[in-house]
Amino acid sequence: MIRILLHGYEPKEKPDARFYEAMRQLSAIGNNINQLAVKANTLGFIDTPMLKAEALRWHKFQADIEAVFLRPGESNLKWQ
């Protein structure tokens, strides 16, 4: 910790559970896409329904991540 500070870096707080769940989902999607690639190389064709399902899953995941981590939330501030 002290070495990090001496080198001019500020440590970040440990991410909350949402981060780890998002990383788990991302890993699962990546594994499924890898399985599709292996299957395509082995058999010479692409499993189109599975590919479409994983593409939809990826787009939903991306939208969820944007909603949770990037879009501004409601403010409790009162404007006068």
N, C-alpha and C. Protein backbone atom coordinates (compact mmCIF):
# COMPACT_ATOMS: atom_id res chain seq x y z
N MET A 1 0.82 -1.19 0.00
CA MET A 1 0.00 0.00 0.00
C MET A 1 0.87 1.26 0.00
N ILE A 2 1.88 1.29 0.85
CA ILE A 2 2.74 2.46 0.93
C ILE A 2 3.51 2.65 -0.37
N ARG A 3 3.97 1.57 -0.97
CA ARG A 3 4.70 1.67 -2.25
C ARG A 3 3.80 2.28 -3.32
N ILE A 4 2.55 1.90 -3.33
CA ILE A 4 1.61 2.45 -4.30
C ILE A 4 1.51 3.96 -4.12
N LEU A 5 1.36 4.41 -2.88
CA LEU A 5 1.25 5.83 -2.60
C LEU A 5 2.53 6.58 -2.95
N LEU A 6 3.69 5.98 -2.65
CA LEU A 6 4.97 6.61 -2.95
C LEU A 6 5.19 6.76 -4.46
N HIS A 7 4.62 5.89 -5.24
CA HIS A 7 4.77 5.98 -6.69
C HIS A 7 3.71 6.89 -7.32
N GLY A 8 2.95 7.57 -6.49
CA GLY A 8 1.99 8.55 -6.99
C GLY A 8 0.64 7.99 -7.40
N TYR A 9 0.33 6.79 -6.96
CA TYR A 9 -0.96 6.19 -7.29
C TYR A 9 -1.86 6.18 -6.06
N GLU A 10 -3.13 6.34 -6.32
CA GLU A 10 -4.10 6.29 -5.24
C GLU A 10 -4.88 4.98 -5.36
N PRO A 11 -4.85 4.13 -4.33
CA PRO A 11 -5.59 2.87 -4.42
C PRO A 11 -7.08 3.10 -4.53
N LYS A 12 -7.73 2.22 -5.24
CA LYS A 12 -9.18 2.31 -5.39
C LYS A 12 -9.86 1.43 -4.36
N GLU A 13 -11.09 1.78 -4.06
CA GLU A 13 -11.87 0.96 -3.15
C GLU A 13 -12.22 -0.37 -3.82
N LYS A 14 -12.44 -1.38 -3.00
CA LYS A 14 -12.84 -2.68 -3.53
C LYS A 14 -14.22 -2.53 -4.18
N PRO A 15 -14.37 -3.05 -5.41
CA PRO A 15 -15.68 -2.95 -6.08
C PRO A 15 -16.75 -3.70 -5.29
N ASP A 16 -17.99 -3.26 -5.48
CA ASP A 16 -19.09 -3.93 -4.79
C ASP A 16 -19.47 -5.21 -5.53
N ALA A 17 -20.45 -5.90 -5.01
CA ALA A 17 -20.86 -7.21 -5.54
C ALA A 17 -21.37 -7.12 -6.98
N ARG A 18 -21.93 -5.97 -7.35
CA ARG A 18 -22.43 -5.82 -8.73
C ARG A 18 -21.31 -5.98 -9.74
N PHE A 19 -20.13 -5.46 -9.41
CA PHE A 19 -18.98 -5.57 -10.31
C PHE A 19 -18.62 -7.03 -10.54
N TYR A 20 -18.55 -7.80 -9.48
CA TYR A 20 -18.16 -9.20 -9.59
C TYR A 20 -19.21 -10.02 -10.33
N GLU A 21 -20.48 -9.69 -10.15
CA GLU A 21 -21.54 -10.36 -10.89
C GLU A 21 -21.44 -10.02 -12.37
N ALA A 22 -21.15 -8.77 -12.68
CA ALA A 22 -20.99 -8.36 -14.08
C ALA A 22 -19.82 -9.10 -14.72
N MET A 23 -18.71 -9.24 -13.99
CA MET A 23 -17.55 -9.95 -14.52
C MET A 23 -17.86 -11.43 -14.73
N ARG A 24 -18.67 -12.01 -13.85
CA ARG A 24 -19.07 -13.42 -14.01
C ARG A 24 -19.91 -13.59 -15.27
N GLN A 25 -20.84 -12.66 -15.49
CA GLN A 25 -21.67 -12.72 -16.68
C GLN A 25 -20.84 -12.54 -17.95
N LEU A 26 -19.92 -11.60 -17.91
CA LEU A 26 -19.05 -11.37 -19.06
C LEU A 26 -18.22 -12.62 -19.37
N SER A 27 -17.72 -13.27 -18.34
CA SER A 27 -16.95 -14.50 -18.53
C SER A 27 -17.80 -15.60 -19.15
N ALA A 28 -19.04 -15.73 -18.70
CA ALA A 28 -19.93 -16.76 -19.24
C ALA A 28 -20.22 -16.51 -20.72
N ILE A 29 -20.45 -15.25 -21.07
CA ILE A 29 -20.70 -14.91 -22.47
C ILE A 29 -19.46 -15.23 -23.31
N GLY A 30 -18.30 -14.87 -22.80
CA GLY A 30 -17.05 -15.15 -23.51
C GLY A 30 -16.84 -16.65 -23.71
N ASN A 31 -17.13 -17.43 -22.69
CA ASN A 31 -16.99 -18.89 -22.80
C ASN A 31 -17.93 -19.45 -23.87
N ASN A 32 -19.16 -18.96 -23.90
CA ASN A 32 -20.11 -19.44 -24.91
C ASN A 32 -19.67 -19.06 -26.32
N ILE A 33 -19.16 -17.87 -26.49
CA ILE A 33 -18.67 -17.45 -27.81
C ILE A 33 -17.47 -18.30 -28.22
N ASN A 34 -16.60 -18.61 -27.27
CA ASN A 34 -15.46 -19.49 -27.57
C ASN A 34 -15.94 -20.88 -27.99
N GLN A 35 -16.96 -21.40 -27.31
CA GLN A 35 -17.52 -22.71 -27.70
C GLN A 35 -18.09 -22.66 -29.11
N LEU A 36 -18.73 -21.55 -29.46
CA LEU A 36 -19.25 -21.40 -30.82
C LEU A 36 -18.11 -21.43 -31.85
N ALA A 37 -17.01 -20.75 -31.53
CA ALA A 37 -15.87 -20.72 -32.46
C ALA A 37 -15.27 -22.11 -32.62
N VAL A 38 -15.11 -22.84 -31.52
CA VAL A 38 -14.57 -24.20 -31.59
C VAL A 38 -15.48 -25.09 -32.43
N LYS A 39 -16.77 -25.00 -32.19
CA LYS A 39 -17.74 -25.80 -32.93
C LYS A 39 -17.70 -25.45 -34.42
N ALA A 40 -17.61 -24.16 -34.74
CA ALA A 40 -17.57 -23.73 -36.13
C ALA A 40 -16.31 -24.27 -36.82
N ASN A 41 -15.18 -24.23 -36.12
CA ASN A 41 -13.93 -24.73 -36.71
C ASN A 41 -13.94 -26.24 -36.87
N THR A 42 -14.51 -26.94 -35.91
CA THR A 42 -14.53 -28.40 -35.93
C THR A 42 -15.51 -28.94 -36.96
N LEU A 43 -16.72 -28.41 -36.96
CA LEU A 43 -17.78 -28.95 -37.80
C LEU A 43 -17.94 -28.23 -39.14
N GLY A 44 -17.35 -27.05 -39.25
CA GLY A 44 -17.44 -26.31 -40.50
C GLY A 44 -18.72 -25.52 -40.67
N PHE A 45 -19.48 -25.33 -39.60
CA PHE A 45 -20.68 -24.48 -39.69
C PHE A 45 -20.91 -23.80 -38.35
N ILE A 46 -21.71 -22.74 -38.39
CA ILE A 46 -22.00 -21.96 -37.19
C ILE A 46 -23.39 -22.30 -36.68
N ASP A 47 -23.51 -22.49 -35.38
CA ASP A 47 -24.80 -22.73 -34.73
C ASP A 47 -25.52 -21.38 -34.65
N THR A 48 -26.29 -21.06 -35.68
CA THR A 48 -26.93 -19.75 -35.81
C THR A 48 -27.85 -19.41 -34.64
N PRO A 49 -28.72 -20.34 -34.18
CA PRO A 49 -29.58 -19.97 -33.04
C PRO A 49 -28.78 -19.62 -31.78
N MET A 50 -27.72 -20.38 -31.52
CA MET A 50 -26.91 -20.10 -30.34
C MET A 50 -26.17 -18.77 -30.51
N LEU A 51 -25.68 -18.52 -31.72
CA LEU A 51 -24.98 -17.26 -31.98
C LEU A 51 -25.92 -16.07 -31.78
N LYS A 52 -27.15 -16.17 -32.28
CA LYS A 52 -28.13 -15.09 -32.10
C LYS A 52 -28.46 -14.90 -30.62
N ALA A 53 -28.60 -16.00 -29.90
CA ALA A 53 -28.92 -15.91 -28.47
C ALA A 53 -27.78 -15.23 -27.70
N GLU A 54 -26.54 -15.58 -28.02
CA GLU A 54 -25.40 -14.96 -27.33
C GLU A 54 -25.24 -13.50 -27.72
N ALA A 55 -25.55 -13.16 -28.99
CA ALA A 55 -25.49 -11.76 -29.41
C ALA A 55 -26.53 -10.93 -28.65
N LEU A 56 -27.74 -11.47 -28.51
CA LEU A 56 -28.77 -10.77 -27.74
C LEU A 56 -28.36 -10.65 -26.27
N ARG A 57 -27.79 -11.72 -25.73
CA ARG A 57 -27.33 -11.70 -24.34
C ARG A 57 -26.25 -10.64 -24.15
N TRP A 58 -25.34 -10.52 -25.12
CA TRP A 58 -24.27 -9.53 -25.04
C TRP A 58 -24.86 -8.11 -25.07
N HIS A 59 -25.82 -7.86 -25.98
CA HIS A 59 -26.41 -6.53 -26.07
C HIS A 59 -27.17 -6.16 -24.80
N LYS A 60 -27.87 -7.12 -24.20
CA LYS A 60 -28.57 -6.87 -22.95
C LYS A 60 -27.57 -6.58 -21.83
N PHE A 61 -26.50 -7.36 -21.78
CA PHE A 61 -25.46 -7.16 -20.78
C PHE A 61 -24.87 -5.76 -20.92
N GLN A 62 -24.57 -5.36 -22.15
CA GLN A 62 -23.99 -4.05 -22.38
C GLN A 62 -24.94 -2.94 -21.92
N ALA A 63 -26.22 -3.06 -22.25
CA ALA A 63 -27.21 -2.07 -21.83
C ALA A 63 -27.34 -2.02 -20.31
N ASP A 64 -27.31 -3.18 -19.66
CA ASP A 64 -27.40 -3.23 -18.20
C ASP A 64 -26.20 -2.56 -17.55
N ILE A 65 -25.01 -2.81 -18.08
CA ILE A 65 -23.80 -2.20 -17.52
C ILE A 65 -23.86 -0.68 -17.68
N GLU A 66 -24.29 -0.23 -18.85
CA GLU A 66 -24.43 1.22 -19.05
C GLU A 66 -25.41 1.82 -18.07
N ALA A 67 -26.53 1.13 -17.85
CA ALA A 67 -27.55 1.66 -16.94
C ALA A 67 -27.04 1.73 -15.50
N VAL A 68 -26.31 0.71 -15.08
CA VAL A 68 -25.86 0.65 -13.69
C VAL A 68 -24.66 1.55 -13.42
N PHE A 69 -23.69 1.56 -14.33
CA PHE A 69 -22.43 2.23 -14.04
C PHE A 69 -22.20 3.55 -14.77
N LEU A 70 -22.93 3.83 -15.85
CA LEU A 70 -22.62 5.01 -16.64
C LEU A 70 -23.71 6.08 -16.65
N ARG A 71 -24.96 5.68 -16.66
CA ARG A 71 -26.03 6.67 -16.73
C ARG A 71 -26.21 7.37 -15.39
N PRO A 72 -26.46 8.67 -15.45
CA PRO A 72 -26.67 9.38 -14.19
C PRO A 72 -27.95 8.91 -13.50
N GLY A 73 -27.89 8.86 -12.20
CA GLY A 73 -29.06 8.48 -11.42
C GLY A 73 -29.83 9.69 -10.95
N GLU A 74 -30.94 9.45 -10.29
CA GLU A 74 -31.73 10.55 -9.74
C GLU A 74 -30.96 11.22 -8.61
N SER A 75 -31.08 12.50 -8.57
CA SER A 75 -30.42 13.28 -7.54
C SER A 75 -31.41 13.63 -6.44
N ASN A 76 -30.90 13.63 -5.21
CA ASN A 76 -31.73 14.05 -4.08
C ASN A 76 -31.58 15.53 -3.79
N LEU A 77 -30.79 16.22 -4.63
CA LEU A 77 -30.59 17.64 -4.42
C LEU A 77 -31.84 18.41 -4.80
N LYS A 78 -32.15 19.42 -4.03
CA LYS A 78 -33.31 20.28 -4.30
C LYS A 78 -32.83 21.58 -4.89
N TRP A 79 -33.35 21.94 -6.06
CA TRP A 79 -32.98 23.20 -6.69
C TRP A 79 -33.83 24.31 -6.14
N GLN A 80 -33.22 25.43 -5.87
CA GLN A 80 -33.96 26.56 -5.31
C GLN A 80 -34.18 27.63 -6.33
